């Protein structure tokens, strides 16, 4: 298939055919996706009407894995193949095979998002003579996209799942290009490639008990002898840099946590000191259908004395289920890689070393916020602690259905900067848990969540409120700072920006205790703080009154119909 024809296939409308086939196959089998793929492949390969499955199998010159896949899924269903062959055009089925990665849409199994593959291809700049590898290829969607950029290069993809490799082989068979797919463990690959792409599994960890992994042993011997565990990201990244040619380039999808966590510091140090990291790009959340987690792209190559950091979290088109990268977004990201802007900057390896080898994009692209009378938050804090880390079962064991003086505060109890009145009741709070209780006028800040939540506790003299571990409990030195003034600051655009640039994480953002203490907050004379605090308290009262009015109106609306018929 030629590149222009592939681009046309990508635009084919396939939803009707996919839906019809899936619904009909579902009446015959519990997992219809495989049969849909098999049907689409058979029709794409057929230049005539075959009266039976065995006529097709005897006439089709394809990999045994494909033929077995077709036989397993279409035996007894050939009538549906013949039905759909006459119902939709051949181009629709070719598009389904090449571009609809619906098979096993869960966890790691879905294909690499089309536009993310497109961005990776732009960064890799594949040449005619390049050998290109896609480790953990899934259904081969990246290689299909890469072929539309350059159909003369040699492509290789591997995956450990037989069904996914069969589907990838179907794609390769239709493309008729120099492509090899095989079912193989990534860590057993030894050949070196000019260009590598990998969107490997998220959130796995390898430890010293899995000593059959040679890459992990290499990390223990050459990077950190004390290393007992390493994240999936750096295990794969080490393998990738070891199979990348000296003049080559790799693009990998990484989780943000691996860029700054303590457990991977030694491996990041190894990569920085050897000049293996070319750039890190923070991507928008919800690009993958199977996870809302944030992801980053990291570009690996040899001989780098600096790292280009790009914050592309705002480059996306919002979708109902997924965010997408438009062609403009891709062009903007490529421009940021080439230029220095407010959200893209080249940082020397020496400077990264000073940051303890953190590769967190927000660490290097923090916006300088102008805060009048600014001081470090920690200087006005008398004490700060987290809530209790009791298990849910332990909380359940002391929960009460009847009102008591003991309450339990969680993250969901804070809305619009106000702590709800309807906190859960507890039968008691033991002496050992009292250190996790909230006092009146304490500032409560959420440890995780987006956006970060802030509230001022208003605890009655006869109440005890136990906070959970997702909350920081902060007692201020009130001779220096009014809690409601600080709360008003965190409600402001500048305050929100402070919290946002300081948070980091995956699907859920987090803010560390150290980061919290190092925030810059305003601290004008206490008289000014008290004046602003009074204005804030009055506005808060008006908001609570308005919310009560809204709830009352909603309740009245819900009764209008029933009240009419009760007359």
Foldseek 3Di string as FASTA:
>chain_A
DALVLLVVLLPDDQPVVVVVQQVVVVVVDVFRPLLLLLLLLLLLPDPDDDPDLVVSLVPDDADPLLNVSNCVNCVVPVVVSNVVSVVDDNSSSLSCLQPPQPHPQAAPQGAQQLVVLVLQLVVQVDDLAWEEEEEQHRLVNSVSSNCSVPQRYAYEYEHQDSSSQSSNRSNCVSSVGNYYYDNDDLQVDQAATQEYEYADGPDDKDFVVVVVRVLVVCCCVPFNVPQGMAGPVLSVVSSNVNRYDQNHKYKYKAALCCQADPNNLRSLLVCLVQQFWAEKEWAAAFARLHDRWTIIITMTHGDHQKYKYAYLRVQWPDDPRGTHHDPVSSVVVVVLSVDPDLGIDIGGSVVCVVVSSRPNSLVPNQDDFDAPQKDFQLVFFPDKDFFAADDPVVQVVFFDPDDDLEFEDEPVQADPQEGHPPTTHGNDQDPVRQVQWADAQWWKWFFKAPPIHIHGDHRDPSHTYGYHRRIMTTDGNLQFARSLLQSVCCVDPSNSSQRVSQWDGISMTGHDPVSNRRGMHHTDHSVVSVVVSVVSVVVVVVVVVVVVVVVVVVVVVVCVVVVVVVD
